[in-house]
Amino acid sequence: MSASTFKTTPNAQPDYMTLNDVPNPFSNRAPAPKVTGIIILALLLLALSGLMLGFTAGIINRHSQSSSHNTHIPSTTQANPAAIQTPTNVRVPLNCPLIDETVYQGTPGSGPIYTLSAHAVDKSGQCTKSGKAIQQAGITFKLWLATVPDNQRIEIPASTWTHLEKLQQPLPHEVPNGLVFDNGSPQVQQSNKQGQSRWKFGLAPDTKPGKYYLVVLTDWDGIYANWTWIYFEVKSPQA
């Protein structure tokens, strides 16, 4: 039998090495910090970082609100969105004038018993159908009776409408003195403050029965002009 690794005492009892006899290799190190302290420190750092983040977000949010307020442009409204008012020194392109009231037939020699009214509009709409009314006085209007051209279109050269004095003369296809007008509503007149004109008219006694046009012209100081026409039938007095 091999020799035992145990030491024996004089009393023949084995002498074991206990844990207290084993040297501690970590005995020279500093004691580790306590877990509780670490947790508290971590919570304090987390709370501090959250506070700083909220403070920064509040500053950014206030700056954003301030910038938005400073650049906000308030909207404007008009009492009548279908109409525009322009300064007296501003001209806008004219669309075909819109006819508000009219008749489509008449009898020669009956006197100024018929009514036609129209108003000026801009080019935001469709010719003869829509557009914003131009509420401005001083737009020149003219109403005349015209024969129907072969191409069924009334064309007025710019060399005519750019000179307002020429509107006093017969225009293309106009029946000279075919219409007679009430003294209060001349054939060539200026619009009222609502951009409107109104005529009381009749047919000259020698106007021949047949199909004609009633033509309405708008001319803004020879800068912009436009016109429209409607069919008008002259009936025989015996009809």
Protein backbone atom coordinates (compact mmCIF):
# COMPACT_ATOMS: atom_id res chain seq x y z
CA MET A 1 0.00 0.00 0.00
CA SER A 2 1.21 3.40 -0.92
CA ALA A 3 1.84 5.95 1.70
CA SER A 4 -1.13 7.99 2.82
CA THR A 5 -1.31 11.69 2.05
CA PHE A 6 -2.73 12.39 5.48
CA LYS A 7 -0.61 13.38 8.39
CA THR A 8 -1.25 11.62 11.67
CA THR A 9 -1.05 13.05 15.08
CA PRO A 10 0.37 11.40 18.01
CA ASN A 11 -3.14 10.27 18.88
CA ALA A 12 -3.33 8.61 15.45
CA GLN A 13 -6.16 10.96 14.26
CA PRO A 14 -5.90 12.17 10.66
CA ASP A 15 -5.09 15.83 10.30
CA TYR A 16 -7.20 17.32 7.42
CA MET A 17 -6.63 20.77 5.85
CA THR A 18 -9.66 23.00 6.40
CA LEU A 19 -10.86 25.96 4.24
CA ASN A 20 -9.34 28.33 6.74
CA ASP A 21 -5.96 26.81 5.99
CA VAL A 22 -6.30 27.61 2.19
CA PRO A 23 -4.76 30.94 1.30
CA ASN A 24 -7.23 33.46 -0.37
CA PRO A 25 -5.73 34.68 -3.68
CA PHE A 26 -8.01 37.78 -3.62
CA SER A 27 -7.21 38.84 -0.11
CA ASN A 28 -5.05 41.76 -1.30
CA ARG A 29 -7.78 43.32 -3.56
CA ALA A 30 -9.97 46.25 -2.52
CA PRO A 31 -13.49 45.30 -1.56
CA ALA A 32 -16.02 45.47 -4.50
CA PRO A 33 -18.59 48.27 -4.35
CA LYS A 34 -21.99 47.34 -3.16
CA VAL A 35 -24.68 46.49 -5.72
CA THR A 36 -27.19 48.87 -4.13
CA GLY A 37 -24.93 51.86 -4.65
CA ILE A 38 -24.49 50.99 -8.32
CA ILE A 39 -28.24 50.76 -8.86
CA ILE A 40 -28.88 54.10 -7.17
CA LEU A 41 -26.21 55.81 -9.23
CA ALA A 42 -27.64 54.36 -12.47
CA LEU A 43 -31.14 55.58 -11.58
CA LEU A 44 -29.84 59.07 -10.84
CA LEU A 45 -28.03 59.25 -14.18
CA LEU A 46 -31.14 58.00 -16.02
CA ALA A 47 -33.37 60.59 -14.35
CA LEU A 48 -30.89 63.37 -15.11
CA SER A 49 -30.68 62.41 -18.79
CA GLY A 50 -34.49 62.35 -19.06
CA LEU A 51 -34.74 65.80 -17.52
CA MET A 52 -32.19 67.20 -19.97
CA LEU A 53 -34.00 65.58 -22.93
CA GLY A 54 -37.36 67.07 -21.89
CA PHE A 55 -35.82 70.50 -21.43
CA THR A 56 -34.23 70.37 -24.90
CA ALA A 57 -37.48 69.20 -26.55
CA GLY A 58 -39.37 72.04 -24.86
CA ILE A 59 -36.96 74.61 -26.24
CA ILE A 60 -37.21 73.18 -29.78
CA ASN A 61 -41.00 73.02 -29.60
CA ARG A 62 -41.30 76.66 -28.45
CA HIS A 63 -38.94 77.75 -31.22
CA SER A 64 -40.99 75.87 -33.81
CA GLN A 65 -44.24 77.42 -32.59
CA SER A 66 -42.71 80.89 -32.61
CA SER A 67 -41.40 80.48 -36.16
CA SER A 68 -44.76 79.20 -37.38
CA HIS A 69 -46.56 82.16 -35.87
CA ASN A 70 -44.15 84.68 -37.36
CA THR A 71 -44.47 83.27 -40.89
CA HIS A 72 -48.23 82.75 -40.82
CA ILE A 73 -50.04 84.79 -43.49
CA PRO A 74 -53.71 85.38 -42.61
CA SER A 75 -56.17 84.53 -45.33
CA THR A 76 -58.40 87.22 -46.77
CA THR A 77 -62.01 86.91 -47.80
CA GLN A 78 -64.19 88.91 -50.11
CA ALA A 79 -67.81 89.76 -49.50
CA ASN A 80 -68.59 88.62 -53.04
CA PRO A 81 -66.08 86.01 -54.29
CA ALA A 82 -67.70 86.13 -57.75
CA ALA A 83 -66.66 89.74 -58.28
CA ILE A 84 -63.34 91.60 -58.27
CA GLN A 85 -62.62 95.23 -57.59
CA THR A 86 -59.53 96.71 -59.18
CA PRO A 87 -57.79 100.04 -58.52
CA THR A 88 -58.72 102.69 -61.04
CA ASN A 89 -55.25 102.58 -62.59
CA VAL A 90 -55.19 98.79 -63.06
CA ARG A 91 -56.66 97.06 -66.12
CA VAL A 92 -57.24 93.32 -66.44
CA PRO A 93 -57.99 91.32 -69.62
CA LEU A 94 -61.68 91.16 -70.45
CA ASN A 95 -63.62 88.05 -71.32
CA CYS A 96 -66.82 88.05 -73.37
CA PRO A 97 -69.31 90.27 -71.53
CA LEU A 98 -72.12 88.41 -69.83
CA ILE A 99 -75.65 89.41 -70.81
CA ASP A 100 -77.95 89.70 -67.81
CA GLU A 101 -81.22 90.66 -69.47
CA THR A 102 -82.29 90.67 -73.11
CA VAL A 103 -84.98 90.00 -75.69
CA TYR A 104 -84.66 87.80 -78.77
CA GLN A 105 -87.11 89.41 -81.14
CA GLY A 106 -88.67 92.78 -81.87
CA THR A 107 -90.84 94.76 -84.24
CA PRO A 108 -89.63 97.80 -86.23
CA GLY A 109 -91.02 101.20 -85.29
CA SER A 110 -92.13 100.15 -81.83
CA GLY A 111 -89.93 102.67 -79.99
CA PRO A 112 -87.36 101.97 -77.21
CA ILE A 113 -89.40 99.38 -75.35
CA TYR A 114 -86.82 96.58 -75.19
CA THR A 115 -84.15 96.15 -72.51
CA LEU A 116 -80.67 94.65 -72.64
CA SER A 117 -78.16 94.74 -69.80
CA ALA A 118 -74.68 93.24 -69.51
CA HIS A 119 -71.61 93.37 -67.27
CA ALA A 120 -67.86 93.07 -67.74
CA VAL A 121 -66.01 89.96 -66.54
CA ASP A 122 -62.40 88.82 -66.35
CA LYS A 123 -60.90 85.75 -68.03
CA SER A 124 -61.27 83.38 -65.08
CA GLY A 125 -64.36 81.77 -66.63
CA GLN A 126 -65.69 80.53 -69.95
CA CYS A 127 -66.68 82.96 -72.68
CA THR A 128 -70.42 83.85 -72.62
CA LYS A 129 -70.94 81.58 -69.59
CA SER A 130 -68.88 82.61 -66.57
CA GLY A 131 -66.17 84.84 -65.13
CA LYS A 132 -65.64 87.14 -62.16
CA ALA A 133 -67.54 90.38 -62.51
CA ILE A 134 -65.31 93.44 -62.71
CA GLN A 135 -66.83 96.04 -60.41
CA GLN A 136 -65.33 99.11 -61.99
CA ALA A 137 -66.86 102.22 -63.50
CA GLY A 138 -65.66 103.67 -66.79
CA ILE A 139 -65.53 100.56 -69.00
CA THR A 140 -66.90 101.44 -72.43
CA PHE A 141 -69.88 99.44 -73.71
CA LYS A 142 -71.55 99.48 -77.11
CA LEU A 143 -74.68 97.71 -78.36
CA TRP A 144 -75.58 97.38 -82.05
CA LEU A 145 -77.64 95.39 -84.52
CA ALA A 146 -75.53 93.37 -86.98
CA THR A 147 -76.19 91.21 -89.99
CA VAL A 148 -75.10 87.58 -89.61
CA PRO A 149 -71.77 87.09 -91.44
CA ASP A 150 -71.12 84.00 -93.56
CA ASN A 151 -68.81 82.51 -90.93
CA GLN A 152 -71.30 83.51 -88.20
CA ARG A 153 -68.58 85.34 -86.29
CA ILE A 154 -68.20 89.00 -85.46
CA GLU A 155 -64.59 90.09 -85.77
CA ILE A 156 -63.40 93.54 -84.75
CA PRO A 157 -59.82 94.48 -85.66
CA ALA A 158 -57.52 95.85 -82.96
CA SER A 159 -57.02 98.93 -85.09
CA THR A 160 -60.65 99.77 -84.27
CA TRP A 161 -61.16 98.92 -80.62
CA THR A 162 -57.81 100.37 -79.50
CA HIS A 163 -59.17 103.79 -80.47
CA LEU A 164 -62.27 104.56 -78.43
CA GLU A 165 -63.40 107.34 -80.75
CA LYS A 166 -63.87 104.77 -83.52
CA LEU A 167 -66.56 103.05 -81.46
CA GLN A 168 -68.86 105.92 -82.34
CA GLN A 169 -68.70 104.80 -85.97
CA PRO A 170 -70.45 101.75 -87.46
CA LEU A 171 -68.56 98.57 -86.60
CA PRO A 172 -68.21 95.41 -88.74
CA HIS A 173 -71.59 94.17 -90.00
CA GLU A 174 -73.42 96.85 -88.06
CA VAL A 175 -76.76 98.01 -89.47
CA PRO A 176 -76.33 101.80 -89.37
CA ASN A 177 -79.00 103.34 -87.16
CA GLY A 178 -80.72 99.97 -86.98
CA LEU A 179 -81.41 100.55 -83.28
CA VAL A 180 -82.96 103.58 -81.67
CA PHE A 181 -82.09 104.33 -78.04
CA ASP A 182 -83.75 106.00 -75.12
CA ASN A 183 -82.21 109.36 -74.19
CA GLY A 184 -81.08 107.94 -70.86
CA SER A 185 -79.18 105.00 -72.38
CA PRO A 186 -76.95 105.98 -75.32
CA GLN A 187 -75.62 103.37 -77.71
CA VAL A 188 -72.03 103.92 -76.47
CA GLN A 189 -71.88 104.36 -72.70
CA GLN A 190 -69.69 103.90 -69.64
CA SER A 191 -70.25 101.17 -67.08
CA ASN A 192 -71.50 101.99 -63.60
CA LYS A 193 -69.55 101.16 -60.42
CA GLN A 194 -70.63 97.52 -60.71
CA GLY A 195 -69.14 97.26 -64.21
CA GLN A 196 -72.63 97.10 -65.78
CA SER A 197 -74.41 98.85 -68.65
CA ARG A 198 -78.08 98.91 -69.56
CA TRP A 199 -79.93 99.98 -72.67
CA LYS A 200 -83.52 100.80 -73.51
CA PHE A 201 -83.82 100.41 -77.28
CA GLY A 202 -86.13 99.79 -80.18
CA LEU A 203 -85.87 99.06 -83.91
CA ALA A 204 -85.78 101.71 -86.61
CA PRO A 205 -88.98 101.73 -88.71
CA ASP A 206 -87.12 100.78 -91.91
CA THR A 207 -85.36 97.74 -90.41
CA LYS A 208 -86.07 94.74 -92.63
CA PRO A 209 -87.46 91.55 -91.08
CA GLY A 210 -84.98 88.71 -90.74
CA LYS A 211 -82.32 87.10 -88.50
CA TYR A 212 -79.71 89.41 -86.97
CA TYR A 213 -77.24 89.60 -84.12
CA LEU A 214 -77.37 91.88 -81.13
CA VAL A 215 -73.68 92.56 -80.39
CA VAL A 216 -72.31 93.82 -77.06
CA LEU A 217 -68.75 95.16 -76.88
CA THR A 218 -66.69 95.95 -73.77
CA ASP A 219 -63.56 98.09 -74.16
CA TRP A 220 -61.31 99.12 -71.29
CA ASP A 221 -59.57 102.30 -72.41
CA GLY A 222 -58.41 100.70 -75.65
CA ILE A 223 -56.13 98.32 -73.70
CA TYR A 224 -58.41 95.28 -73.46
CA ALA A 225 -61.62 94.52 -75.32
CA ASN A 226 -64.02 91.66 -75.90
CA TRP A 227 -67.50 91.19 -77.28
CA THR A 228 -70.35 88.75 -77.60
CA TRP A 229 -73.51 88.37 -79.67
CA ILE A 230 -76.90 86.70 -79.55
CA TYR A 231 -79.43 85.92 -82.25
CA PHE A 232 -82.20 88.46 -82.65
CA GLU A 233 -85.16 88.18 -84.98
CA VAL A 234 -86.80 91.24 -86.51
CA LYS A 235 -90.43 90.49 -87.13
CA SER A 236 -92.71 92.13 -89.68
CA PRO A 237 -95.12 94.64 -88.14
CA GLN A 238 -97.96 92.73 -89.85
CA ALA A 239 -96.90 89.39 -88.34
